[in-house]
Amino acid sequence: MRKSLWVVVGGVVAVLGLLFTLQGTGVIGGSAMSGNTFWAVAGPIIIVIGLVVAAAGVRGRGR
């Protein structure tokens, strides 16, 4: 149960990072984040963090 929770949390964080990236690059408009360079740079970093968390959940110790 705990491993799957980390995978889900990591996946959600990665999807949010993708959303931030698309808003930062101006692909998705309609918010204060749209066209903002900060989010275009922070988004991929957030994606990597999410993938690391998900990978840690997959590779976590089995009990």
Protein backbone atom coordinates (compact mmCIF):
# COMPACT_ATOMS: atom_id res chain seq x y z
CA MET A 1 0.00 0.00 0.00
CA ARG A 2 2.70 2.47 0.95
CA LYS A 3 4.74 1.83 -2.22
CA SER A 4 1.75 2.49 -4.44
CA LEU A 5 1.07 5.73 -2.61
CA TRP A 6 4.58 7.00 -3.45
CA VAL A 7 4.07 6.02 -7.08
CA VAL A 8 0.75 7.90 -7.24
CA VAL A 9 2.16 10.99 -5.48
CA GLY A 10 5.19 11.00 -7.78
CA GLY A 11 2.95 10.67 -10.82
CA VAL A 12 0.77 13.56 -9.73
CA VAL A 13 3.82 15.75 -9.09
CA ALA A 14 5.20 14.87 -12.54
CA VAL A 15 1.89 15.73 -14.22
CA LEU A 16 1.77 19.04 -12.36
CA GLY A 17 5.31 19.74 -13.52
CA LEU A 18 4.20 19.08 -17.10
CA LEU A 19 1.28 21.47 -16.63
CA PHE A 20 3.61 24.15 -15.23
CA THR A 21 5.98 23.67 -18.16
CA LEU A 22 3.21 24.00 -20.72
CA GLN A 23 1.88 27.12 -19.00
CA GLY A 24 5.34 28.63 -18.70
CA THR A 25 6.02 28.14 -22.41
CA GLY A 26 2.65 29.64 -23.32
CA VAL A 27 1.12 26.46 -24.77
CA ILE A 28 -1.65 26.62 -22.15
CA GLY A 29 -2.94 30.10 -21.45
CA GLY A 30 -5.34 31.65 -19.01
CA SER A 31 -3.33 32.04 -15.83
CA ALA A 32 -0.66 34.26 -14.31
CA MET A 33 1.83 31.45 -15.01
CA SER A 34 1.26 31.62 -18.77
CA GLY A 35 4.30 32.82 -20.67
CA ASN A 36 6.37 33.14 -17.49
CA THR A 37 9.94 31.92 -17.93
CA PHE A 38 10.21 30.85 -14.30
CA TRP A 39 7.58 28.15 -14.80
CA ALA A 40 9.12 27.08 -18.10
CA VAL A 41 12.32 26.31 -16.17
CA ALA A 42 10.79 25.08 -12.89
CA GLY A 43 8.36 22.71 -14.61
CA PRO A 44 10.94 20.22 -15.91
CA ILE A 45 12.69 20.24 -12.54
CA ILE A 46 9.38 19.39 -10.87
CA ILE A 47 8.82 16.61 -13.42
CA VAL A 48 12.17 15.06 -12.53
CA ILE A 49 11.37 15.26 -8.81
CA GLY A 50 8.05 13.54 -9.41
CA LEU A 51 9.68 10.78 -11.43
CA VAL A 52 12.30 10.24 -8.72
CA VAL A 53 9.58 9.94 -6.07
CA ALA A 54 7.64 7.47 -8.25
CA ALA A 55 10.79 5.45 -8.93
CA ALA A 56 11.53 5.34 -5.21
CA GLY A 57 8.04 3.96 -4.67
CA VAL A 58 8.55 1.28 -7.31
CA ARG A 59 12.00 0.30 -6.06
CA GLY A 60 11.10 0.58 -2.37
CA ARG A 61 11.70 -2.27 0.00
CA GLY A 62 9.16 -5.05 -0.09
CA ARG A 63 7.90 -6.28 3.26
